[in-house]
Amino acid sequence: TWVPPVDIYQNGDHEVVLKAEVPDMTREDIDITVDNGTLTIRGEKKVSSDVKEEQFHRVERRYGSFSRSFSLPQTVDTAKVAAEYKNGVLTVRLPLREEAKPRQVKVEVAA
């Protein structure tokens, strides 16, 4: 089994971003679910059918199924989660709820 590496960071005050390295996969190979405050990414990286097993001299890359789950903060708006797959990197954008974003309060001066 293998586990794709991920980076998770907060992008300003409006979203949390998760990036996972999943090279040589298609969008159809990746399944993303958000359920009960948990983000789960599942998929399967398959060995190329162009090369037969006996033709390999060395195999260092990992293949097979994977599953990664992450607990989401309650401040994430799970209804607005979006994902994009480009150049072998899966990017999942987790927008924060409006009430979770910091806001500036103006202080009035009393006479």
Protein backbone atom coordinates (compact mmCIF):
# COMPACT_ATOMS: atom_id res chain seq x y z
CA THR A 1 0.00 0.00 0.00
CA TRP A 2 1.02 3.60 -0.37
CA VAL A 3 -0.08 6.89 1.10
CA PRO A 4 0.12 10.08 -0.96
CA PRO A 5 1.87 12.94 0.85
CA VAL A 6 -0.26 16.01 1.61
CA ASP A 7 0.20 19.64 2.60
CA ILE A 8 -2.59 21.41 4.49
CA TYR A 9 -2.54 25.14 5.02
CA GLN A 10 -4.84 28.08 5.63
CA ASN A 11 -5.08 30.52 2.75
CA GLY A 12 -5.72 33.88 4.40
CA ASP A 13 -8.96 34.13 6.33
CA HIS A 14 -11.19 32.51 3.75
CA GLU A 15 -10.20 28.88 3.22
CA VAL A 16 -8.16 25.83 4.19
CA VAL A 17 -6.33 24.14 1.29
CA LEU A 18 -5.24 20.50 1.08
CA LYS A 19 -2.79 19.45 -1.65
CA ALA A 20 -2.02 15.77 -2.28
CA GLU A 21 0.55 14.31 -4.66
CA VAL A 22 -1.21 11.64 -6.73
CA PRO A 23 0.76 11.35 -9.99
CA ASP A 24 -0.23 9.17 -12.94
CA MET A 25 -3.88 9.05 -11.93
CA THR A 26 -7.03 10.31 -13.62
CA ARG A 27 -9.93 12.17 -12.02
CA GLU A 28 -11.92 8.95 -12.30
CA ASP A 29 -9.33 7.15 -10.12
CA ILE A 30 -9.90 9.58 -7.21
CA ASP A 31 -12.92 9.70 -4.89
CA ILE A 32 -13.46 12.53 -2.40
CA THR A 33 -16.17 12.50 0.28
CA VAL A 34 -17.09 14.86 3.10
CA ASP A 35 -19.18 13.23 5.81
CA ASN A 36 -19.80 14.19 9.42
CA GLY A 37 -16.83 16.57 9.64
CA THR A 38 -14.37 14.21 7.94
CA LEU A 39 -12.76 14.62 4.51
CA THR A 40 -11.77 11.29 2.93
CA ILE A 41 -9.70 10.87 -0.22
CA ARG A 42 -9.59 7.41 -1.79
CA GLY A 43 -8.10 6.13 -5.00
CA GLU A 44 -6.08 3.56 -6.81
CA LYS A 45 -2.84 4.07 -8.69
CA LYS A 46 -2.48 1.34 -11.30
CA VAL A 47 0.64 -0.04 -12.96
CA SER A 48 0.76 0.88 -16.64
CA SER A 49 -0.63 -1.90 -18.81
CA ASP A 50 1.90 -0.96 -21.54
CA VAL A 51 4.73 -2.72 -19.66
CA LYS A 52 4.59 -6.37 -18.62
CA GLU A 53 5.83 -7.40 -15.18
CA GLU A 54 8.77 -9.39 -16.58
CA GLN A 55 9.97 -6.29 -18.48
CA PHE A 56 10.68 -4.28 -15.34
CA HIS A 57 14.29 -3.92 -14.20
CA ARG A 58 13.38 -1.93 -11.09
CA VAL A 59 10.12 -0.79 -9.47
CA GLU A 60 10.48 1.96 -6.87
CA ARG A 61 7.21 3.84 -7.30
CA ARG A 62 4.23 2.75 -5.22
CA TYR A 63 1.00 1.39 -6.69
CA GLY A 64 -2.31 0.19 -5.32
CA SER A 65 -5.24 1.55 -3.36
CA PHE A 66 -5.04 4.30 -0.78
CA SER A 67 -7.35 6.06 1.65
CA ARG A 68 -6.63 9.17 3.74
CA SER A 69 -9.06 10.82 6.15
CA PHE A 70 -8.80 14.23 7.80
CA SER A 71 -10.93 15.76 10.54
CA LEU A 72 -12.24 19.13 9.44
CA PRO A 73 -12.54 22.10 11.76
CA GLN A 74 -16.13 23.14 12.46
CA THR A 75 -15.37 26.44 10.75
CA VAL A 76 -15.28 24.77 7.30
CA ASP A 77 -18.38 25.16 5.11
CA THR A 78 -18.67 21.54 3.92
CA ALA A 79 -21.36 22.44 1.37
CA LYS A 80 -18.84 24.52 -0.61
CA VAL A 81 -15.86 22.13 -0.76
CA ALA A 82 -14.27 22.04 -4.24
CA ALA A 83 -11.50 19.93 -5.79
CA GLU A 84 -9.18 20.26 -8.76
CA TYR A 85 -6.67 17.79 -10.24
CA LYS A 86 -3.80 19.20 -12.30
CA ASN A 87 -0.25 18.02 -13.08
CA GLY A 88 -0.45 15.12 -10.62
CA VAL A 89 -1.56 17.31 -7.70
CA LEU A 90 -5.03 17.13 -6.17
CA THR A 91 -6.09 20.45 -4.61
CA VAL A 92 -9.08 20.46 -2.27
CA ARG A 93 -10.39 23.88 -1.23
CA LEU A 94 -12.30 24.03 2.04
CA PRO A 95 -13.94 27.46 2.40
CA LEU A 96 -14.52 28.83 5.88
CA ARG A 97 -18.03 29.78 7.00
CA GLU A 98 -18.80 33.48 7.01
CA GLU A 99 -19.27 33.52 10.78
CA ALA A 100 -15.81 31.97 11.25
CA LYS A 101 -14.03 34.73 9.35
CA PRO A 102 -12.55 37.52 11.45
CA ARG A 103 -14.28 40.84 11.15
CA GLN A 104 -13.31 44.29 12.20
CA VAL A 105 -15.46 46.11 14.75
CA LYS A 106 -15.41 49.89 14.81
CA VAL A 107 -15.04 51.37 18.29
CA GLU A 108 -17.21 54.40 18.95
CA VAL A 109 -15.94 57.13 21.27
CA ALA A 110 -18.41 58.11 24.00
CA ALA A 111 -18.62 61.81 24.86
